[in-house]
Each structure stands twice: as C-alpha cells, then as structure tokens.
Amino acid sequence: MSGLEKDRIAEFSRMVTESRNRVFCFIYSMLHNIADAEDVYQQSTIVMWNKFDEFEEGTNFVNWALAIAHNKIKQFQRQSGRQRVFFDDSVMQLMAETYATLDIKQPPSERMEGLLHCLSKLADKQRRVLRLRYSDSVSIRDLAKQERKSEAAMVMVLARLRKSLQSCISSMLSRGMADG
C-alpha cells in the first residue's frame, strides 16, 4: 500500500469518526430502533468509502455523509416495510440539516448530567411520556392511544420535548453548567 493510499484511508477514517455521532443520531431519529440504525449506519459508511473519490475536499463531509445516510434510510424503509410513519423528503432534509449543525463534541458525562438536570425540570407527565417511548420502547401508536392523541400529535409532542431538552442541555453546556 502506498503512502498516498494510507493518507487517504487515514483522512476517511478521521472524517467518519468525527461525523459518527451526528450521522448515527440522524439515522436513529428516523428509525427508532438501535439495531436497524446500526445496520443503516454501517451500510452508509460502506457507501461513503466506495464514493469517497467523489467527495470534494474542502466541502462539508457531514452534509455529504447525511445525504448518503438519508438515501440508505429511504432504501431501508422501502425494503423492510416495518416503518409505520414515513417522513417525506422535506422533513428528512430538514432533520439532516439540523443534525449537521449540532455540536456533539461535549464529553458524554457533561451531556448526561445536563440531560438529567433538564429532565428534572419537566413535568411528571412529560417525563412519563419520554420514559414510555425511549426507555420502555412503547410504540408511537400505543403511546398515542394511552395519551388519547393521534399518532401525528404524539410525534409532535415528542419532537417538542426533544427540542426543549436539546435547548436546555445546549444552554447548560454553553454556560459550563454553572447556573443549572
């Protein structure tokens, strides 16, 4: 293997490692299943490597990786038929743009501390909904029935809660968690 090939592999590895959290979180947010998200992430990474010659140096690798992941998610959804709620391309594109701008470089312990603090600020009912969905893996359909809401309304409730938590955590991390 030549030095040029080794440099190319090292550069690809660095870029994939730096973008992993954002790309994986985006995939998981679309599929809501960790095993499926891991599979789609691996497939996306293989495509990234196979198309790395097409990546233009100096452009945004995360955006490029998210576009590939977006396509792999759509392919997975078509093939599996297990996804009940499909997001249209405009929603998926908006979410990809959001994940491209997220700062996911803070140490997990600080983020976890921030999450716990921000969760404590939520109402009991909000924490219960989050626990049922994300800890107990209750489907959106079942959760909507329990809460006497439509599935679309439940998706919006969860999106608002996630956005609220993200904002709270980001605010705490930017303040160095000094004020809480």
C-alpha atoms as a PDB file:
ATOM      1  CA  MET A   1       0.000   0.000   0.000  1.00  0.00           C
ATOM      2  CA  SER A   2       1.398   3.348  -0.998  1.00  0.00           C
ATOM      3  CA  GLY A   3       1.761   6.342   1.286  1.00  0.00           C
ATOM      4  CA  LEU A   4      -0.946   8.136  -0.696  1.00  0.00           C
ATOM      5  CA  GLU A   5      -3.399   5.276  -0.107  1.00  0.00           C
ATOM      6  CA  LYS A   6      -2.562   5.240   3.604  1.00  0.00           C
ATOM      7  CA  ASP A   7      -3.143   9.002   3.809  1.00  0.00           C
ATOM      8  CA  ARG A   8      -6.464   8.632   2.021  1.00  0.00           C
ATOM      9  CA  ILE A   9      -7.604   5.880   4.409  1.00  0.00           C
ATOM     10  CA  ALA A  10      -6.482   7.927   7.411  1.00  0.00           C
ATOM     11  CA  GLU A  11      -8.357  11.010   6.169  1.00  0.00           C
ATOM     12  CA  PHE A  12     -11.526   9.000   5.556  1.00  0.00           C
ATOM     13  CA  SER A  13     -11.262   7.383   8.997  1.00  0.00           C
ATOM     14  CA  ARG A  14     -10.807  10.759  10.665  1.00  0.00           C
ATOM     15  CA  MET A  15     -13.805  12.273   8.891  1.00  0.00           C
ATOM     16  CA  VAL A  16     -16.059   9.290   9.583  1.00  0.00           C
ATOM     17  CA  THR A  17     -15.044   9.261  13.249  1.00  0.00           C
ATOM     18  CA  GLU A  18     -15.682  12.993  13.653  1.00  0.00           C
ATOM     19  CA  SER A  19     -19.095  12.775  11.997  1.00  0.00           C
ATOM     20  CA  ARG A  20     -20.257   9.472  13.506  1.00  0.00           C
ATOM     21  CA  ASN A  21     -22.405  10.861  16.320  1.00  0.00           C
ATOM     22  CA  ARG A  22     -24.317  13.273  14.120  1.00  0.00           C
ATOM     23  CA  VAL A  23     -24.868  10.749  11.330  1.00  0.00           C
ATOM     24  CA  PHE A  24     -25.837   7.924  13.677  1.00  0.00           C
ATOM     25  CA  CYS A  25     -28.194  10.138  15.713  1.00  0.00           C
ATOM     26  CA  PHE A  26     -29.882  11.267  12.499  1.00  0.00           C
ATOM     27  CA  ILE A  27     -30.366   7.663  11.368  1.00  0.00           C
ATOM     28  CA  TYR A  28     -31.658   6.597  14.764  1.00  0.00           C
ATOM     29  CA  SER A  29     -34.087   9.530  14.885  1.00  0.00           C
ATOM     30  CA  MET A  30     -35.610   8.277  11.639  1.00  0.00           C
ATOM     31  CA  LEU A  31     -35.746   4.572  12.508  1.00  0.00           C
ATOM     32  CA  HIS A  32     -36.214   4.498  16.313  1.00  0.00           C
ATOM     33  CA  ASN A  33     -34.524   1.112  16.535  1.00  0.00           C
ATOM     34  CA  ILE A  34     -30.890   0.807  17.607  1.00  0.00           C
ATOM     35  CA  ALA A  35     -30.153  -2.396  15.666  1.00  0.00           C
ATOM     36  CA  ASP A  36     -31.681  -1.030  12.457  1.00  0.00           C
ATOM     37  CA  ALA A  37     -29.830   2.263  12.950  1.00  0.00           C
ATOM     38  CA  GLU A  38     -26.507   0.426  13.376  1.00  0.00           C
ATOM     39  CA  ASP A  39     -27.154  -1.584  10.194  1.00  0.00           C
ATOM     40  CA  VAL A  40     -28.056   1.506   8.181  1.00  0.00           C
ATOM     41  CA  TYR A  41     -25.051   3.380   9.604  1.00  0.00           C
ATOM     42  CA  GLN A  42     -22.721   0.559   8.535  1.00  0.00           C
ATOM     43  CA  GLN A  43     -24.279   0.448   5.069  1.00  0.00           C
ATOM     44  CA  SER A  44     -23.947   4.225   4.821  1.00  0.00           C
ATOM     45  CA  THR A  45     -20.285   4.069   5.813  1.00  0.00           C
ATOM     46  CA  ILE A  46     -19.602   1.457   3.128  1.00  0.00           C
ATOM     47  CA  VAL A  47     -21.212   3.727   0.517  1.00  0.00           C
ATOM     48  CA  MET A  48     -19.186   6.680   1.844  1.00  0.00           C
ATOM     49  CA  TRP A  49     -15.976   4.702   1.387  1.00  0.00           C
ATOM     50  CA  ASN A  50     -16.961   3.483  -2.076  1.00  0.00           C
ATOM     51  CA  LYS A  51     -17.803   7.055  -3.134  1.00  0.00           C
ATOM     52  CA  PHE A  52     -15.024   8.813  -1.236  1.00  0.00           C
ATOM     53  CA  ASP A  53     -13.363   9.650  -4.571  1.00  0.00           C
ATOM     54  CA  GLU A  54     -16.458  11.744  -5.357  1.00  0.00           C
ATOM     55  CA  PHE A  55     -16.236  13.746  -2.115  1.00  0.00           C
ATOM     56  CA  GLU A  56     -14.915  17.218  -2.862  1.00  0.00           C
ATOM     57  CA  GLU A  57     -12.141  18.152  -0.462  1.00  0.00           C
ATOM     58  CA  GLY A  58     -12.943  21.358   1.376  1.00  0.00           C
ATOM     59  CA  THR A  59     -16.706  20.781   1.352  1.00  0.00           C
ATOM     60  CA  ASN A  60     -18.753  19.700   4.349  1.00  0.00           C
ATOM     61  CA  PHE A  61     -18.211  15.982   4.965  1.00  0.00           C
ATOM     62  CA  VAL A  62     -21.075  15.796   7.484  1.00  0.00           C
ATOM     63  CA  ASN A  63     -23.589  17.126   4.952  1.00  0.00           C
ATOM     64  CA  TRP A  64     -22.285  14.663   2.370  1.00  0.00           C
ATOM     65  CA  ALA A  65     -22.483  11.777   4.859  1.00  0.00           C
ATOM     66  CA  LEU A  66     -26.007  12.781   5.933  1.00  0.00           C
ATOM     67  CA  ALA A  67     -27.165  12.812   2.306  1.00  0.00           C
ATOM     68  CA  ILE A  68     -25.869   9.265   1.879  1.00  0.00           C
ATOM     69  CA  ALA A  69     -27.483   8.210   5.173  1.00  0.00           C
ATOM     70  CA  HIS A  70     -30.759   9.812   4.047  1.00  0.00           C
ATOM     71  CA  ASN A  71     -30.749   7.629   0.923  1.00  0.00           C
ATOM     72  CA  LYS A  72     -29.888   4.498   2.898  1.00  0.00           C
ATOM     73  CA  ILE A  73     -32.727   5.209   5.351  1.00  0.00           C
ATOM     74  CA  LYS A  74     -35.213   5.528   2.485  1.00  0.00           C
ATOM     75  CA  GLN A  75     -33.888   2.295   0.972  1.00  0.00           C
ATOM     76  CA  PHE A  76     -34.169   0.516   4.327  1.00  0.00           C
ATOM     77  CA  GLN A  77     -37.742   1.748   4.830  1.00  0.00           C
ATOM     78  CA  ARG A  78     -38.774   0.569   1.370  1.00  0.00           C
ATOM     79  CA  GLN A  79     -37.178  -2.840   1.863  1.00  0.00           C
ATOM     80  CA  SER A  80     -38.262  -3.512   5.428  1.00  0.00           C
ATOM     81  CA  GLY A  81     -41.817  -2.269   5.318  1.00  0.00           C
ATOM     82  CA  ARG A  82     -41.653  -2.153   9.130  1.00  0.00           C
ATOM     83  CA  GLN A  83     -41.694   1.626   9.464  1.00  0.00           C
ATOM     84  CA  ARG A  84     -45.219   2.856  10.116  1.00  0.00           C
ATOM     85  CA  VAL A  85     -44.505   6.581   9.962  1.00  0.00           C
ATOM     86  CA  PHE A  86     -42.596   7.712   6.897  1.00  0.00           C
ATOM     87  CA  PHE A  87     -41.227  11.220   6.784  1.00  0.00           C
ATOM     88  CA  ASP A  88     -41.348  12.928   3.448  1.00  0.00           C
ATOM     89  CA  ASP A  89     -38.112  14.115   1.875  1.00  0.00           C
ATOM     90  CA  SER A  90     -38.525  17.712   3.038  1.00  0.00           C
ATOM     91  CA  VAL A  91     -38.807  16.650   6.699  1.00  0.00           C
ATOM     92  CA  MET A  92     -35.850  14.282   6.396  1.00  0.00           C
ATOM     93  CA  GLN A  93     -33.808  17.019   4.708  1.00  0.00           C
ATOM     94  CA  LEU A  94     -34.653  19.498   7.470  1.00  0.00           C
ATOM     95  CA  MET A  95     -33.642  16.967  10.114  1.00  0.00           C
ATOM     96  CA  ALA A  96     -30.397  16.213   8.265  1.00  0.00           C
ATOM     97  CA  GLU A  97     -29.606  19.948   8.197  1.00  0.00           C
ATOM     98  CA  THR A  98     -30.297  20.134  11.932  1.00  0.00           C
ATOM     99  CA  TYR A  99     -28.003  17.198  12.695  1.00  0.00           C
ATOM    100  CA  ALA A 100     -25.291  18.738  10.508  1.00  0.00           C
ATOM    101  CA  THR A 101     -25.203  21.790  12.760  1.00  0.00           C
ATOM    102  CA  LEU A 102     -25.355  20.014  16.125  1.00  0.00           C
ATOM    103  CA  ASP A 103     -22.309  20.240  18.360  1.00  0.00           C
ATOM    104  CA  ILE A 104     -21.922  16.683  19.599  1.00  0.00           C
ATOM    105  CA  LYS A 105     -18.350  17.059  20.794  1.00  0.00           C
ATOM    106  CA  GLN A 106     -19.051  17.608  24.508  1.00  0.00           C
ATOM    107  CA  PRO A 107     -17.978  14.718  26.734  1.00  0.00           C
ATOM    108  CA  PRO A 108     -20.889  12.329  27.330  1.00  0.00           C
ATOM    109  CA  SER A 109     -20.687  12.785  31.101  1.00  0.00           C
ATOM    110  CA  GLU A 110     -21.369  16.535  30.843  1.00  0.00           C
ATOM    111  CA  ARG A 111     -24.215  15.951  28.410  1.00  0.00           C
ATOM    112  CA  MET A 112     -25.658  13.214  30.603  1.00  0.00           C
ATOM    113  CA  GLU A 113     -25.514  15.476  33.639  1.00  0.00           C
ATOM    114  CA  GLY A 114     -27.234  18.182  31.600  1.00  0.00           C
ATOM    115  CA  LEU A 115     -29.883  15.740  30.392  1.00  0.00           C
ATOM    116  CA  LEU A 116     -30.652  14.587  33.922  1.00  0.00           C
ATOM    117  CA  HIS A 117     -30.911  18.175  35.125  1.00  0.00           C
ATOM    118  CA  CYS A 118     -33.135  19.202  32.207  1.00  0.00           C
ATOM    119  CA  LEU A 119     -35.338  16.133  32.648  1.00  0.00           C
ATOM    120  CA  SER A 120     -35.868  17.117  36.275  1.00  0.00           C
ATOM    121  CA  LYS A 121     -37.313  20.444  35.067  1.00  0.00           C
ATOM    122  CA  LEU A 122     -40.032  18.707  33.039  1.00  0.00           C
ATOM    123  CA  ALA A 123     -43.496  17.965  34.370  1.00  0.00           C
ATOM    124  CA  ASP A 124     -44.124  14.417  35.614  1.00  0.00           C
ATOM    125  CA  LYS A 125     -46.422  13.682  32.663  1.00  0.00           C
ATOM    126  CA  GLN A 126     -43.730  14.802  30.182  1.00  0.00           C
ATOM    127  CA  ARG A 127     -41.100  12.602  31.846  1.00  0.00           C
ATOM    128  CA  ARG A 128     -43.533   9.683  31.834  1.00  0.00           C
ATOM    129  CA  VAL A 129     -44.163  10.075  28.080  1.00  0.00           C
ATOM    130  CA  LEU A 130     -40.406  10.169  27.400  1.00  0.00           C
ATOM    131  CA  ARG A 131     -39.791   7.132  29.623  1.00  0.00           C
ATOM    132  CA  LEU A 132     -42.539   5.125  27.943  1.00  0.00           C
ATOM    133  CA  ARG A 133     -41.256   5.949  24.454  1.00  0.00           C
ATOM    134  CA  TYR A 134     -37.496   5.784  24.918  1.00  0.00           C
ATOM    135  CA  SER A 135     -36.877   3.546  27.929  1.00  0.00           C
ATOM    136  CA  ASP A 136     -39.806   1.170  27.629  1.00  0.00           C
ATOM    137  CA  SER A 137     -39.863   1.300  23.794  1.00  0.00           C
ATOM    138  CA  VAL A 138     -43.630   1.795  23.634  1.00  0.00           C
ATOM    139  CA  SER A 139     -44.609   2.375  20.011  1.00  0.00           C
ATOM    140  CA  ILE A 140     -45.894   5.773  18.968  1.00  0.00           C
ATOM    141  CA  ARG A 141     -49.216   4.166  18.067  1.00  0.00           C
ATOM    142  CA  ASP A 142     -49.622   2.638  21.547  1.00  0.00           C
ATOM    143  CA  LEU A 143     -48.395   5.776  23.258  1.00  0.00           C
ATOM    144  CA  ALA A 144     -50.872   7.873  21.269  1.00  0.00           C
ATOM    145  CA  LYS A 145     -53.699   5.565  22.356  1.00  0.00           C
ATOM    146  CA  GLN A 146     -52.617   5.820  26.011  1.00  0.00           C
ATOM    147  CA  GLU A 147     -52.485   9.602  25.800  1.00  0.00           C
ATOM    148  CA  ARG A 148     -55.702   9.820  23.754  1.00  0.00           C
ATOM    149  CA  LYS A 149     -53.938  11.626  20.907  1.00  0.00           C
ATOM    150  CA  SER A 150     -53.435  10.943  17.219  1.00  0.00           C
ATOM    151  CA  GLU A 151     -50.120   9.431  16.158  1.00  0.00           C
ATOM    152  CA  ALA A 152     -49.211  12.685  14.406  1.00  0.00           C
ATOM    153  CA  ALA A 153     -49.950  14.660  17.571  1.00  0.00           C
ATOM    154  CA  MET A 154     -47.806  12.275  19.615  1.00  0.00           C
ATOM    155  CA  VAL A 155     -44.925  12.652  17.155  1.00  0.00           C
ATOM    156  CA  MET A 156     -45.192  16.419  17.600  1.00  0.00           C
ATOM    157  CA  VAL A 157     -45.308  16.141  21.419  1.00  0.00           C
ATOM    158  CA  LEU A 158     -42.152  14.023  21.374  1.00  0.00           C
ATOM    159  CA  ALA A 159     -40.441  16.378  18.913  1.00  0.00           C
ATOM    160  CA  ARG A 160     -41.232  19.368  21.133  1.00  0.00           C
ATOM    161  CA  LEU A 161     -39.933  17.559  24.214  1.00  0.00           C
ATOM    162  CA  ARG A 162     -36.701  16.583  22.426  1.00  0.00           C
ATOM    163  CA  LYS A 163     -36.240  20.148  21.166  1.00  0.00           C
ATOM    164  CA  SER A 164     -36.864  21.530  24.649  1.00  0.00           C
ATOM    165  CA  LEU A 165     -34.329  19.127  26.156  1.00  0.00           C
ATOM    166  CA  GLN A 166     -31.787  19.885  23.437  1.00  0.00           C
ATOM    167  CA  SER A 167     -32.159  23.612  24.018  1.00  0.00           C
ATOM    168  CA  CYS A 168     -31.871  23.225  27.792  1.00  0.00           C
ATOM    169  CA  ILE A 169     -28.802  20.982  27.533  1.00  0.00           C
ATOM    170  CA  SER A 170     -27.103  23.248  24.984  1.00  0.00           C
ATOM    171  CA  SER A 171     -27.763  26.255  27.192  1.00  0.00           C
ATOM    172  CA  MET A 172     -26.319  24.498  30.236  1.00  0.00           C
ATOM    173  CA  LEU A 173     -23.231  23.305  28.354  1.00  0.00           C
ATOM    174  CA  SER A 174     -22.580  26.756  26.905  1.00  0.00           C
ATOM    175  CA  ARG A 175     -22.749  28.208  30.423  1.00  0.00           C
ATOM    176  CA  GLY A 176     -20.459  25.478  31.689  1.00  0.00           C
ATOM    177  CA  MET A 177     -23.354  24.186  33.780  1.00  0.00           C
ATOM    178  CA  ALA A 178     -22.539  26.949  36.273  1.00  0.00           C
ATOM    179  CA  ASP A 179     -26.058  28.155  36.944  1.00  0.00           C
ATOM    180  CA  GLY A 180     -28.010  24.973  36.148  1.00  0.00           C
END
